[in-house]
Each structure stands twice: as structure tokens, then as C-alpha cells.
Amino acid sequence: EPGAPGRPEATDWDKDHVDLRWTPPLRDGGNPITGYIIEKREKGSPKWVKAGEAGPDCRGRAENLDEGAEYEFRVRAVNAAGPGEPSDASKSIVAKSRR
């Protein structure tokens, strides 16, 4: 299975989603990476939940966020063996309109 990707960074956001980018894992576990799973948790919560899926190009969107809530995000690479180790958590970000 793949190693952990780089820590995701927010590139854009709104009241119900955050766009993220990250770097690929250093090792792919012997199979090409086919995509990524994006996970979210509310700050202070121990529970990670799936927030989106992304293709292999290391960018994606976490959707269905609650406006005003503060979230952290992490990503896992996926290949034929399944999902790999999670990245480190992003800096926390509040879901809000950018304007």
C-alpha cells in the first residue's frame, strides 16, 4: 500500500467546501497511485470522516462542510492494494465565504 502523502494545504475555500493540494507519497507500494481519499474532522474531534475523493493529480475538494465550523484535513493515497497511510493533518481552517 502507498506511503503517506504530504500535508495538505488549502488553496481556496467557501462556506461549504475547501480546495486542497498536497504532494504525492515518497513510495507508492509497488503499484501506481490511482487517486486520493480526502478526510476531514472538526477541530478537537478524534474522528476522521471521508470528505471527498480526488484523482491522481494531488488536488481535490472537501465538500459538505458546515459554515463557521473549523476543520482539519488529511489525505490518503489509493492504489490497487487499497488506501495507504494518512498524511499529517492540515492547519485548521474555518469554512466561510472568502469574500
Protein backbone atom coordinates (compact mmCIF):
# COMPACT_ATOMS: atom_id res chain seq x y z
CA GLU A 1 0.00 0.00 0.00
CA PRO A 2 1.17 3.58 -0.56
CA GLY A 3 3.03 5.69 1.97
CA ALA A 4 1.68 8.90 3.46
CA PRO A 5 1.23 11.90 1.13
CA GLY A 6 2.44 15.37 2.07
CA ARG A 7 0.40 17.52 4.43
CA PRO A 8 -2.48 19.14 2.51
CA GLU A 9 -2.72 22.92 2.14
CA ALA A 10 -5.86 24.93 1.42
CA THR A 11 -5.77 26.75 -1.92
CA ASP A 12 -9.32 28.14 -1.84
CA TRP A 13 -12.41 27.88 0.33
CA ASP A 14 -16.06 28.84 0.73
CA LYS A 15 -18.78 28.29 3.30
CA ASP A 16 -19.34 24.66 2.32
CA HIS A 17 -16.05 23.43 0.80
CA VAL A 18 -12.28 23.74 0.88
CA ASP A 19 -9.96 23.12 -2.08
CA LEU A 20 -6.72 21.37 -1.13
CA ARG A 21 -3.42 20.41 -2.71
CA TRP A 22 -0.66 18.12 -1.48
CA THR A 23 2.44 16.25 -2.61
CA PRO A 24 2.48 12.55 -3.52
CA PRO A 25 3.87 9.91 -1.17
CA LEU A 26 7.56 9.06 -1.46
CA ARG A 27 6.67 5.41 -2.09
CA ASP A 28 3.70 4.02 -3.99
CA GLY A 29 3.89 0.49 -2.57
CA GLY A 30 4.76 -1.03 -5.95
CA ASN A 31 1.53 -0.05 -7.72
CA PRO A 32 0.68 3.26 -9.39
CA ILE A 33 -1.42 5.67 -7.34
CA THR A 34 -4.89 5.88 -8.87
CA GLY A 35 -6.33 8.61 -6.64
CA TYR A 36 -6.72 10.00 -3.15
CA ILE A 37 -9.27 9.99 -0.36
CA ILE A 38 -9.76 13.30 1.48
CA GLU A 39 -10.77 13.09 5.14
CA LYS A 40 -11.99 15.82 7.49
CA ARG A 41 -12.53 16.26 11.19
CA GLU A 42 -13.84 19.13 13.22
CA LYS A 43 -11.06 20.68 15.27
CA GLY A 44 -10.87 18.94 18.64
CA SER A 45 -12.65 15.81 17.42
CA PRO A 46 -10.77 12.50 17.28
CA LYS A 47 -12.99 11.18 14.47
CA TRP A 48 -11.96 11.45 10.83
CA VAL A 49 -14.67 11.09 8.17
CA LYS A 50 -14.45 10.95 4.39
CA ALA A 51 -14.95 14.35 2.77
CA GLY A 52 -14.17 13.64 -0.88
CA GLU A 53 -12.21 11.73 -3.48
CA ALA A 54 -9.60 13.04 -5.90
CA GLY A 55 -7.77 11.82 -8.97
CA PRO A 56 -4.02 11.18 -9.07
CA ASP A 57 -3.03 14.84 -9.62
CA CYS A 58 -2.72 15.80 -5.91
CA ARG A 59 -5.56 18.28 -5.71
CA GLY A 60 -9.14 17.94 -4.60
CA ARG A 61 -12.13 19.37 -2.77
CA ALA A 62 -13.53 18.58 0.67
CA GLU A 63 -17.28 19.11 0.42
CA ASN A 64 -20.38 19.22 2.64
CA LEU A 65 -18.76 21.40 5.30
CA ASP A 66 -20.78 23.27 7.91
CA GLU A 67 -20.42 27.05 7.61
CA GLY A 68 -18.47 28.51 10.52
CA ALA A 69 -17.05 25.17 11.66
CA GLU A 70 -13.28 24.74 11.97
CA TYR A 71 -11.81 21.71 10.22
CA GLU A 72 -8.57 19.85 9.73
CA PHE A 73 -7.96 17.73 6.64
CA ARG A 74 -5.75 14.81 5.69
CA VAL A 75 -5.35 12.66 2.59
CA ARG A 76 -4.61 9.01 1.79
CA ALA A 77 -3.24 7.72 -1.50
CA VAL A 78 -5.10 4.81 -3.11
CA ASN A 79 -3.72 2.12 -5.41
CA ALA A 80 -4.60 -1.47 -6.31
CA ALA A 81 -3.72 -2.55 -2.75
CA GLY A 82 -6.20 -0.05 -1.28
CA PRO A 83 -5.78 3.16 0.73
CA GLY A 84 -2.40 3.86 2.31
CA GLU A 85 -1.25 5.73 5.38
CA PRO A 86 -2.82 9.14 6.09
CA SER A 87 -0.90 12.36 5.69
CA ASP A 88 -0.27 14.68 8.59
CA ALA A 89 -3.26 16.91 9.33
CA SER A 90 -3.53 20.29 7.62
CA LYS A 91 -3.61 23.55 9.51
CA SER A 92 -7.16 24.12 10.71
CA ILE A 93 -9.40 26.25 8.53
CA VAL A 94 -12.85 27.74 9.12
CA ALA A 95 -15.47 27.05 6.45
CA LYS A 96 -16.57 30.55 5.39
CA SER A 97 -17.05 32.68 2.34
CA ARG A 98 -13.77 34.09 1.08
CA ARG A 99 -15.28 37.45 0.16
